[in-house]
């Protein structure tokens, strides 16, 4: 694995590889790598000549300074995991390299970034779009791999690629879960032992929503699941919604021709966790 920390060096190297006819599969991350990340990488490695991974904790997507400060950073452990999946190139810049000047770019994603995560984390998706666009410009990948756990982020990135006419294929990858159902996340390591024991309640409740879909209309089901989360005082519900999988707008009735996803964000102690499940 070759590691680069500057834009010029990684761009020069990858341009040489592309000139030699090699395809690039790219997995952007913020580090604290887990099995979910590694599955993205293994797929990218299988489907491309080169696997390129970035590790950069992007400050412009955090609207909470404490959240940025708490975000787990495990560089030595990350490097060992990258070696195990035979990563070819690691790009690990610092904030000064990525943002030598003040960031002012503002994207308009219509209603995609106004609901769910966007409603509770203003500016978050603009920051995501800024860093993803910059990374795509630097890496010039043929394919980029994103997990479906961050379902709204995936929709935003697809929109970004279409708006900016970026020549990259976005490859969605299924959620990777722990044996007890908890969606894998870098934030899981911030849970206490007791919190970790009860965290699978999130996926259990999402599965209940999917199970009930055939027996109850969308709006009553939405309220029922909200009541279940609010009835468990160990969690603090931020949102639960059932949405169109393309527009991300709430649905009011079932339509088997319209993809539908249930999405949730909850606080467990001091850790914010998100998850989703496909309903249709």
C-alpha atoms as a PDB file:
ATOM      1  CA  UNK A   1       0.000   0.000   0.000  1.00  0.00           C
ATOM      2  CA  UNK A   2       1.259   3.438  -0.966  1.00  0.00           C
ATOM      3  CA  UNK A   3       0.207   6.345   1.267  1.00  0.00           C
ATOM      4  CA  UNK A   4      -0.101   9.937   0.065  1.00  0.00           C
ATOM      5  CA  UNK A   5      -0.907  13.010   2.108  1.00  0.00           C
ATOM      6  CA  UNK A   6      -0.788  15.665  -0.625  1.00  0.00           C
ATOM      7  CA  UNK A   7      -3.127  16.237  -3.542  1.00  0.00           C
ATOM      8  CA  UNK A   8      -0.369  16.732  -6.103  1.00  0.00           C
ATOM      9  CA  UNK A   9       1.384  13.467  -5.266  1.00  0.00           C
ATOM     10  CA  UNK A  10      -1.708  11.257  -5.290  1.00  0.00           C
ATOM     11  CA  UNK A  11      -3.059  12.889  -8.456  1.00  0.00           C
ATOM     12  CA  UNK A  12       0.226  12.414 -10.301  1.00  0.00           C
ATOM     13  CA  UNK A  13       0.458   8.766  -9.272  1.00  0.00           C
ATOM     14  CA  UNK A  14      -3.135   7.934 -10.180  1.00  0.00           C
ATOM     15  CA  UNK A  15      -2.922   9.755 -13.500  1.00  0.00           C
ATOM     16  CA  UNK A  16      -0.010   7.478 -14.388  1.00  0.00           C
ATOM     17  CA  UNK A  17      -2.040   4.406 -13.421  1.00  0.00           C
ATOM     18  CA  UNK A  18      -5.050   5.506 -15.470  1.00  0.00           C
ATOM     19  CA  UNK A  19      -2.782   6.253 -18.439  1.00  0.00           C
ATOM     20  CA  UNK A  20      -1.622   2.649 -18.171  1.00  0.00           C
ATOM     21  CA  UNK A  21      -5.246   1.539 -18.532  1.00  0.00           C
ATOM     22  CA  UNK A  22      -5.950   0.676 -14.902  1.00  0.00           C
ATOM     23  CA  UNK A  23      -9.413   1.191 -13.443  1.00  0.00           C
ATOM     24  CA  UNK A  24      -9.873   2.785 -10.011  1.00  0.00           C
ATOM     25  CA  UNK A  25     -12.354   1.774  -7.343  1.00  0.00           C
ATOM     26  CA  UNK A  26     -12.654   4.397  -4.610  1.00  0.00           C
ATOM     27  CA  UNK A  27     -13.923   4.166  -1.029  1.00  0.00           C
ATOM     28  CA  UNK A  28     -13.994   7.523   0.802  1.00  0.00           C
ATOM     29  CA  UNK A  29     -14.012   7.208   4.616  1.00  0.00           C
ATOM     30  CA  UNK A  30     -13.427   9.186   7.783  1.00  0.00           C
ATOM     31  CA  UNK A  31     -11.410   6.362   9.302  1.00  0.00           C
ATOM     32  CA  UNK A  32     -12.241   4.309  12.422  1.00  0.00           C
ATOM     33  CA  UNK A  33     -12.708   1.507   9.924  1.00  0.00           C
ATOM     34  CA  UNK A  34     -15.030  -1.415  10.623  1.00  0.00           C
ATOM     35  CA  UNK A  35     -16.244  -4.493   8.765  1.00  0.00           C
ATOM     36  CA  UNK A  36     -18.780  -2.447   6.810  1.00  0.00           C
ATOM     37  CA  UNK A  37     -15.996  -0.305   5.347  1.00  0.00           C
ATOM     38  CA  UNK A  38     -13.926  -3.381   4.611  1.00  0.00           C
ATOM     39  CA  UNK A  39     -16.738  -5.013   2.651  1.00  0.00           C
ATOM     40  CA  UNK A  40     -16.969  -1.901   0.469  1.00  0.00           C
ATOM     41  CA  UNK A  41     -13.228  -2.147  -0.098  1.00  0.00           C
ATOM     42  CA  UNK A  42     -13.294  -5.843  -0.901  1.00  0.00           C
ATOM     43  CA  UNK A  43     -15.970  -5.252  -3.510  1.00  0.00           C
ATOM     44  CA  UNK A  44     -14.040  -2.310  -4.982  1.00  0.00           C
ATOM     45  CA  UNK A  45     -10.889  -4.417  -5.066  1.00  0.00           C
ATOM     46  CA  UNK A  46     -12.714  -7.208  -6.882  1.00  0.00           C
ATOM     47  CA  UNK A  47     -14.314  -4.928  -9.489  1.00  0.00           C
ATOM     48  CA  UNK A  48     -11.317  -2.679 -10.293  1.00  0.00           C
ATOM     49  CA  UNK A  49      -7.585  -2.842 -10.927  1.00  0.00           C
ATOM     50  CA  UNK A  50      -6.743  -0.460  -8.076  1.00  0.00           C
ATOM     51  CA  UNK A  51      -8.382   0.069  -4.692  1.00  0.00           C
ATOM     52  CA  UNK A  52      -8.006   3.640  -3.466  1.00  0.00           C
ATOM     53  CA  UNK A  53      -9.196   4.612   0.025  1.00  0.00           C
ATOM     54  CA  UNK A  54      -9.280   8.070   1.558  1.00  0.00           C
ATOM     55  CA  UNK A  55      -9.273   8.771   5.284  1.00  0.00           C
ATOM     56  CA  UNK A  56     -10.218  12.334   6.114  1.00  0.00           C
ATOM     57  CA  UNK A  57     -12.370  13.538   9.007  1.00  0.00           C
ATOM     58  CA  UNK A  58     -14.117  16.303   7.108  1.00  0.00           C
ATOM     59  CA  UNK A  59     -14.645  19.338   9.363  1.00  0.00           C
ATOM     60  CA  UNK A  60     -17.090  21.122   7.055  1.00  0.00           C
ATOM     61  CA  UNK A  61     -19.749  18.402   7.429  1.00  0.00           C
ATOM     62  CA  UNK A  62     -19.934  18.697  11.213  1.00  0.00           C
ATOM     63  CA  UNK A  63     -22.401  21.272  12.484  1.00  0.00           C
ATOM     64  CA  UNK A  64     -21.497  20.356  16.056  1.00  0.00           C
ATOM     65  CA  UNK A  65     -17.926  21.094  17.186  1.00  0.00           C
ATOM     66  CA  UNK A  66     -18.138  18.536  20.001  1.00  0.00           C
ATOM     67  CA  UNK A  67     -19.200  15.851  17.517  1.00  0.00           C
ATOM     68  CA  UNK A  68     -16.133  16.605  15.400  1.00  0.00           C
ATOM     69  CA  UNK A  69     -13.889  16.485  18.449  1.00  0.00           C
ATOM     70  CA  UNK A  70     -15.350  13.167  19.644  1.00  0.00           C
ATOM     71  CA  UNK A  71     -15.232  11.461  16.267  1.00  0.00           C
ATOM     72  CA  UNK A  72     -13.024   8.346  16.713  1.00  0.00           C
ATOM     73  CA  UNK A  73      -9.581   8.437  15.136  1.00  0.00           C
ATOM     74  CA  UNK A  74      -7.636   5.147  14.965  1.00  0.00           C
ATOM     75  CA  UNK A  75      -4.893   5.547  12.316  1.00  0.00           C
ATOM     76  CA  UNK A  76      -2.672   2.620  13.314  1.00  0.00           C
ATOM     77  CA  UNK A  77      -5.587   0.193  13.491  1.00  0.00           C
ATOM     78  CA  UNK A  78      -6.934   1.551  10.202  1.00  0.00           C
ATOM     79  CA  UNK A  79      -3.625   0.955   8.440  1.00  0.00           C
ATOM     80  CA  UNK A  80      -3.533  -2.654   9.589  1.00  0.00           C
ATOM     81  CA  UNK A  81      -7.050  -3.235   8.261  1.00  0.00           C
ATOM     82  CA  UNK A  82      -6.193  -1.600   4.942  1.00  0.00           C
ATOM     83  CA  UNK A  83      -3.203  -3.887   4.558  1.00  0.00           C
ATOM     84  CA  UNK A  84      -5.417  -6.915   5.185  1.00  0.00           C
ATOM     85  CA  UNK A  85      -7.758  -5.989   2.313  1.00  0.00           C
ATOM     86  CA  UNK A  86      -4.748  -5.255   0.073  1.00  0.00           C
ATOM     87  CA  UNK A  87      -5.525  -1.580  -0.395  1.00  0.00           C
ATOM     88  CA  UNK A  88      -3.329  -0.179  -3.174  1.00  0.00           C
ATOM     89  CA  UNK A  89      -3.436   3.533  -2.345  1.00  0.00           C
ATOM     90  CA  UNK A  90      -4.338   5.428   0.826  1.00  0.00           C
ATOM     91  CA  UNK A  91      -4.959   9.165   0.555  1.00  0.00           C
ATOM     92  CA  UNK A  92      -4.818  10.721   4.033  1.00  0.00           C
ATOM     93  CA  UNK A  93      -4.641  14.522   3.811  1.00  0.00           C
ATOM     94  CA  UNK A  94      -5.053  17.013   6.631  1.00  0.00           C
ATOM     95  CA  UNK A  95      -7.593  19.832   6.686  1.00  0.00           C
ATOM     96  CA  UNK A  96      -5.061  22.390   5.498  1.00  0.00           C
ATOM     97  CA  UNK A  97      -4.316  20.322   2.411  1.00  0.00           C
ATOM     98  CA  UNK A  98      -7.973  19.859   1.546  1.00  0.00           C
ATOM     99  CA  UNK A  99      -9.089  23.375   2.412  1.00  0.00           C
ATOM    100  CA  UNK A 100      -6.255  25.873   1.966  1.00  0.00           C
ATOM    101  CA  UNK A 101      -8.881  28.618   1.645  1.00  0.00           C
ATOM    102  CA  UNK A 102     -12.213  29.243   3.352  1.00  0.00           C
ATOM    103  CA  UNK A 103     -14.984  27.043   1.988  1.00  0.00           C
ATOM    104  CA  UNK A 104     -17.921  29.025   0.583  1.00  0.00           C
ATOM    105  CA  UNK A 105     -19.533  26.679  -1.966  1.00  0.00           C
ATOM    106  CA  UNK A 106     -23.282  26.160  -1.533  1.00  0.00           C
ATOM    107  CA  UNK A 107     -25.184  23.396  -3.308  1.00  0.00           C
ATOM    108  CA  UNK A 108     -28.919  23.324  -3.967  1.00  0.00           C
ATOM    109  CA  UNK A 109     -30.297  19.807  -3.634  1.00  0.00           C
ATOM    110  CA  UNK A 110     -33.933  20.869  -3.613  1.00  0.00           C
ATOM    111  CA  UNK A 111     -35.860  18.920  -0.975  1.00  0.00           C
ATOM    112  CA  UNK A 112     -33.352  16.060  -0.679  1.00  0.00           C
ATOM    113  CA  UNK A 113     -31.377  17.741   2.092  1.00  0.00           C
ATOM    114  CA  UNK A 114     -34.283  19.425   3.876  1.00  0.00           C
ATOM    115  CA  UNK A 115     -35.708  16.313   5.569  1.00  0.00           C
ATOM    116  CA  UNK A 116     -34.480  13.805   8.161  1.00  0.00           C
ATOM    117  CA  UNK A 117     -30.705  14.291   8.603  1.00  0.00           C
ATOM    118  CA  UNK A 118     -30.855  17.634   6.822  1.00  0.00           C
ATOM    119  CA  UNK A 119     -33.538  18.966   9.160  1.00  0.00           C
ATOM    120  CA  UNK A 120     -31.489  18.147  12.265  1.00  0.00           C
ATOM    121  CA  UNK A 121     -27.981  18.768  10.910  1.00  0.00           C
ATOM    122  CA  UNK A 122     -28.135  21.996   8.889  1.00  0.00           C
ATOM    123  CA  UNK A 123     -25.204  22.348   6.509  1.00  0.00           C
ATOM    124  CA  UNK A 124     -24.167  18.716   6.937  1.00  0.00           C
ATOM    125  CA  UNK A 125     -24.917  17.571   3.406  1.00  0.00           C
ATOM    126  CA  UNK A 126     -23.412  20.674   1.864  1.00  0.00           C
ATOM    127  CA  UNK A 127     -20.201  19.746   3.663  1.00  0.00           C
ATOM    128  CA  UNK A 128     -20.481  16.147   2.468  1.00  0.00           C
ATOM    129  CA  UNK A 129     -21.005  17.301  -1.115  1.00  0.00           C
ATOM    130  CA  UNK A 130     -18.028  19.654  -0.941  1.00  0.00           C
ATOM    131  CA  UNK A 131     -15.610  16.972   0.227  1.00  0.00           C
ATOM    132  CA  UNK A 132     -16.958  14.245  -2.077  1.00  0.00           C
ATOM    133  CA  UNK A 133     -16.735  16.534  -5.123  1.00  0.00           C
ATOM    134  CA  UNK A 134     -13.172  17.467  -4.179  1.00  0.00           C
ATOM    135  CA  UNK A 135     -12.171  13.841  -3.625  1.00  0.00           C
ATOM    136  CA  UNK A 136     -13.686  12.811  -6.956  1.00  0.00           C
ATOM    137  CA  UNK A 137     -11.709  15.586  -8.669  1.00  0.00           C
ATOM    138  CA  UNK A 138      -8.504  14.396  -6.989  1.00  0.00           C
ATOM    139  CA  UNK A 139      -8.925  10.629  -7.391  1.00  0.00           C
ATOM    140  CA  UNK A 140     -10.875  10.512 -10.689  1.00  0.00           C
ATOM    141  CA  UNK A 141     -12.304   7.072  -9.877  1.00  0.00           C
ATOM    142  CA  UNK A 142     -14.180   4.870 -12.299  1.00  0.00           C
ATOM    143  CA  UNK A 143     -16.426   3.644  -9.497  1.00  0.00           C
ATOM    144  CA  UNK A 144     -17.070   4.882  -5.955  1.00  0.00           C
ATOM    145  CA  UNK A 145     -18.589   2.700  -3.246  1.00  0.00           C
ATOM    146  CA  UNK A 146     -20.982   3.890  -0.526  1.00  0.00           C
ATOM    147  CA  UNK A 147     -22.909   2.018   2.143  1.00  0.00           C
ATOM    148  CA  UNK A 148     -26.692   2.166   2.241  1.00  0.00           C
ATOM    149  CA  UNK A 149     -26.682   2.782   6.005  1.00  0.00           C
ATOM    150  CA  UNK A 150     -26.225   6.467   5.169  1.00  0.00           C
ATOM    151  CA  UNK A 151     -29.209   6.286   2.836  1.00  0.00           C
ATOM    152  CA  UNK A 152     -29.848  10.016   2.562  1.00  0.00           C
ATOM    153  CA  UNK A 153     -26.167  10.714   1.978  1.00  0.00           C
ATOM    154  CA  UNK A 154     -26.193   8.201  -0.872  1.00  0.00           C
ATOM    155  CA  UNK A 155     -29.146  10.004  -2.480  1.00  0.00           C
ATOM    156  CA  UNK A 156     -27.338  13.343  -2.137  1.00  0.00           C
ATOM    157  CA  UNK A 157     -24.176  11.960  -3.742  1.00  0.00           C
ATOM    158  CA  UNK A 158     -26.137  10.533  -6.668  1.00  0.00           C
ATOM    159  CA  UNK A 159     -27.725  13.967  -7.130  1.00  0.00           C
ATOM    160  CA  UNK A 160     -24.319  15.667  -6.883  1.00  0.00           C
ATOM    161  CA  UNK A 161     -22.866  13.408  -9.585  1.00  0.00           C
ATOM    162  CA  UNK A 162     -25.804  14.174 -11.885  1.00  0.00           C
ATOM    163  CA  UNK A 163     -25.688  17.940 -11.212  1.00  0.00           C
ATOM    164  CA  UNK A 164     -21.935  18.235 -11.707  1.00  0.00           C
ATOM    165  CA  UNK A 165     -21.807  15.672 -14.534  1.00  0.00           C
ATOM    166  CA  UNK A 166     -19.035  13.748 -12.749  1.00  0.00           C
ATOM    167  CA  UNK A 167     -17.901  10.681 -14.780  1.00  0.00           C
ATOM    168  CA  UNK A 168     -18.093   8.131 -11.974  1.00  0.00           C
ATOM    169  CA  UNK A 169     -20.369   5.172 -11.276  1.00  0.00           C
ATOM    170  CA  UNK A 170     -21.852   5.277  -7.772  1.00  0.00           C
ATOM    171  CA  UNK A 171     -22.111   1.745  -6.370  1.00  0.00           C
ATOM    172  CA  UNK A 172     -24.518   1.341  -3.417  1.00  0.00           C
ATOM    173  CA  UNK A 173     -23.651  -1.482  -1.023  1.00  0.00           C
ATOM    174  CA  UNK A 174     -25.959  -3.179   1.522  1.00  0.00           C
ATOM    175  CA  UNK A 175     -25.827  -2.380   5.229  1.00  0.00           C
ATOM    176  CA  UNK A 176     -23.436  -4.617   7.147  1.00  0.00           C
ATOM    177  CA  UNK A 177     -24.743  -5.601  10.572  1.00  0.00           C
ATOM    178  CA  UNK A 178     -23.394  -7.122  13.746  1.00  0.00           C
ATOM    179  CA  UNK A 179     -24.755 -10.604  14.583  1.00  0.00           C
ATOM    180  CA  UNK A 180     -27.354  -8.967  16.866  1.00  0.00           C
ATOM    181  CA  UNK A 181     -28.538  -6.646  14.092  1.00  0.00           C
ATOM    182  CA  UNK A 182     -26.871  -3.370  15.015  1.00  0.00           C
ATOM    183  CA  UNK A 183     -25.759  -1.552  11.870  1.00  0.00           C
ATOM    184  CA  UNK A 184     -21.976  -1.273  11.807  1.00  0.00           C
ATOM    185  CA  UNK A 185     -20.782   2.276  12.397  1.00  0.00           C
ATOM    186  CA  UNK A 186     -17.616   3.999  13.536  1.00  0.00           C
ATOM    187  CA  UNK A 187     -19.714   5.585  16.285  1.00  0.00           C
ATOM    188  CA  UNK A 188     -20.568   2.204  17.822  1.00  0.00           C
ATOM    189  CA  UNK A 189     -17.200   2.158  19.569  1.00  0.00           C
ATOM    190  CA  UNK A 190     -18.312   5.239  21.533  1.00  0.00           C
ATOM    191  CA  UNK A 191     -21.137   3.269  23.194  1.00  0.00           C
ATOM    192  CA  UNK A 192     -20.691   2.057  26.749  1.00  0.00           C
ATOM    193  CA  UNK A 193     -20.911  -1.696  27.343  1.00  0.00           C
ATOM    194  CA  UNK A 194     -24.454  -1.306  28.679  1.00  0.00           C
ATOM    195  CA  UNK A 195     -25.530   0.899  25.774  1.00  0.00           C
ATOM    196  CA  UNK A 196     -24.086  -1.590  23.306  1.00  0.00           C
ATOM    197  CA  UNK A 197     -26.283  -4.318  24.800  1.00  0.00           C
ATOM    198  CA  UNK A 198     -29.496  -2.390  24.187  1.00  0.00           C
ATOM    199  CA  UNK A 199     -28.554  -0.798  20.824  1.00  0.00           C
ATOM    200  CA  UNK A 200     -30.007  -3.702  18.749  1.00  0.00           C
ATOM    201  CA  UNK A 201     -33.455  -2.397  19.785  1.00  0.00           C
ATOM    202  CA  UNK A 202     -33.132   0.019  16.850  1.00  0.00           C
ATOM    203  CA  UNK A 203     -33.018  -2.683  14.183  1.00  0.00           C
ATOM    204  CA  UNK A 204     -35.564  -4.802  16.039  1.00  0.00           C
ATOM    205  CA  UNK A 205     -38.026  -1.913  15.840  1.00  0.00           C
ATOM    206  CA  UNK A 206     -37.288  -1.281  12.163  1.00  0.00           C
ATOM    207  CA  UNK A 207     -37.988  -4.952  11.451  1.00  0.00           C
ATOM    208  CA  UNK A 208     -41.292  -4.537  13.250  1.00  0.00           C
ATOM    209  CA  UNK A 209     -42.156  -1.689  10.870  1.00  0.00           C
ATOM    210  CA  UNK A 210     -41.401  -3.886   7.872  1.00  0.00           C
ATOM    211  CA  UNK A 211     -43.416  -6.768   9.314  1.00  0.00           C
ATOM    212  CA  UNK A 212     -46.455  -4.574  10.012  1.00  0.00           C
ATOM    213  CA  UNK A 213     -46.515  -3.015   6.553  1.00  0.00           C
ATOM    214  CA  UNK A 214     -48.983  -5.601   5.249  1.00  0.00           C
ATOM    215  CA  UNK A 215     -51.408  -4.988   8.123  1.00  0.00           C
ATOM    216  CA  UNK A 216     -51.464  -1.243   8.717  1.00  0.00           C
ATOM    217  CA  UNK A 217     -51.484   1.925   6.590  1.00  0.00           C
ATOM    218  CA  UNK A 218     -48.390   4.096   6.297  1.00  0.00           C
ATOM    219  CA  UNK A 219     -49.404   6.979   8.566  1.00  0.00           C
ATOM    220  CA  UNK A 220     -50.632   4.844  11.480  1.00  0.00           C
ATOM    221  CA  UNK A 221     -47.528   2.665  11.114  1.00  0.00           C
ATOM    222  CA  UNK A 222     -45.296   5.723  11.243  1.00  0.00           C
ATOM    223  CA  UNK A 223     -46.947   6.868  14.465  1.00  0.00           C
ATOM    224  CA  UNK A 224     -46.849   3.386  15.966  1.00  0.00           C
ATOM    225  CA  UNK A 225     -43.077   3.116  15.466  1.00  0.00           C
ATOM    226  CA  UNK A 226     -42.563   6.624  16.853  1.00  0.00           C
ATOM    227  CA  UNK A 227     -44.521   5.573  19.933  1.00  0.00           C
ATOM    228  CA  UNK A 228     -42.372   2.451  20.350  1.00  0.00           C
ATOM    229  CA  UNK A 229     -39.154   4.468  20.276  1.00  0.00           C
ATOM    230  CA  UNK A 230     -40.537   7.170  22.560  1.00  0.00           C
ATOM    231  CA  UNK A 231     -41.724   4.485  24.949  1.00  0.00           C
ATOM    232  CA  UNK A 232     -38.163   3.257  25.470  1.00  0.00           C
ATOM    233  CA  UNK A 233     -36.663   5.891  27.761  1.00  0.00           C
ATOM    234  CA  UNK A 234     -33.114   4.666  27.140  1.00  0.00           C
ATOM    235  CA  UNK A 235     -33.336   6.188  23.655  1.00  0.00           C
ATOM    236  CA  UNK A 236     -34.087   9.730  22.537  1.00  0.00           C
ATOM    237  CA  UNK A 237     -35.782   9.708  19.153  1.00  0.00           C
ATOM    238  CA  UNK A 238     -34.713  12.440  16.743  1.00  0.00           C
ATOM    239  CA  UNK A 239     -36.795  11.286  13.798  1.00  0.00           C
ATOM    240  CA  UNK A 240     -38.484   8.284  12.279  1.00  0.00           C
ATOM    241  CA  UNK A 241     -40.013   8.457   8.824  1.00  0.00           C
ATOM    242  CA  UNK A 242     -41.158   6.290   5.944  1.00  0.00           C
ATOM    243  CA  UNK A 243     -40.067   7.857   2.673  1.00  0.00           C
ATOM    244  CA  UNK A 244     -39.885   7.515  -1.094  1.00  0.00           C
ATOM    245  CA  UNK A 245     -36.423   6.052  -1.785  1.00  0.00           C
ATOM    246  CA  UNK A 246     -35.685   8.580  -4.552  1.00  0.00           C
ATOM    247  CA  UNK A 247     -37.256  11.853  -3.386  1.00  0.00           C
ATOM    248  CA  UNK A 248     -36.874  11.088   0.358  1.00  0.00           C
ATOM    249  CA  UNK A 249     -40.269  12.713   0.911  1.00  0.00           C
ATOM    250  CA  UNK A 250     -42.696  11.078   3.371  1.00  0.00           C
ATOM    251  CA  UNK A 251     -45.168   8.661   1.837  1.00  0.00           C
ATOM    252  CA  UNK A 252     -48.814   8.589   2.906  1.00  0.00           C
ATOM    253  CA  UNK A 253     -49.850   5.257   1.422  1.00  0.00           C
ATOM    254  CA  UNK A 254     -48.392   2.044   0.079  1.00  0.00           C
ATOM    255  CA  UNK A 255     -47.585   1.690  -3.612  1.00  0.00           C
ATOM    256  CA  UNK A 256     -45.714  -1.407  -4.696  1.00  0.00           C
ATOM    257  CA  UNK A 257     -44.324   0.509  -7.675  1.00  0.00           C
ATOM    258  CA  UNK A 258     -42.621   3.085  -5.437  1.00  0.00           C
ATOM    259  CA  UNK A 259     -39.483   2.150  -3.500  1.00  0.00           C
ATOM    260  CA  UNK A 260     -40.015   2.881   0.192  1.00  0.00           C
ATOM    261  CA  UNK A 261     -37.542   3.032   3.067  1.00  0.00           C
ATOM    262  CA  UNK A 262     -38.005   3.533   6.809  1.00  0.00           C
ATOM    263  CA  UNK A 263     -35.273   5.725   8.324  1.00  0.00           C
ATOM    264  CA  UNK A 264     -34.466   6.537  11.922  1.00  0.00           C
ATOM    265  CA  UNK A 265     -32.035   8.583  14.012  1.00  0.00           C
ATOM    266  CA  UNK A 266     -31.819   8.151  17.773  1.00  0.00           C
ATOM    267  CA  UNK A 267     -29.569   9.166  20.614  1.00  0.00           C
ATOM    268  CA  UNK A 268     -28.356   6.428  22.927  1.00  0.00           C
ATOM    269  CA  UNK A 269     -26.533   8.159  25.747  1.00  0.00           C
ATOM    270  CA  UNK A 270     -24.191  10.614  24.065  1.00  0.00           C
ATOM    271  CA  UNK A 271     -24.033   8.709  20.763  1.00  0.00           C
ATOM    272  CA  UNK A 272     -26.225   9.460  17.761  1.00  0.00           C
ATOM    273  CA  UNK A 273     -27.076   6.397  15.678  1.00  0.00           C
ATOM    274  CA  UNK A 274     -28.886   6.109  12.332  1.00  0.00           C
ATOM    275  CA  UNK A 275     -30.334   3.111  10.530  1.00  0.00           C
ATOM    276  CA  UNK A 276     -32.864   2.218   7.858  1.00  0.00           C
ATOM    277  CA  UNK A 277     -34.735  -0.704   6.386  1.00  0.00           C
ATOM    278  CA  UNK A 278     -36.362  -1.186   3.013  1.00  0.00           C
ATOM    279  CA  UNK A 279     -40.119  -1.550   3.282  1.00  0.00           C
ATOM    280  CA  UNK A 280     -40.861  -1.903  -0.454  1.00  0.00           C
END
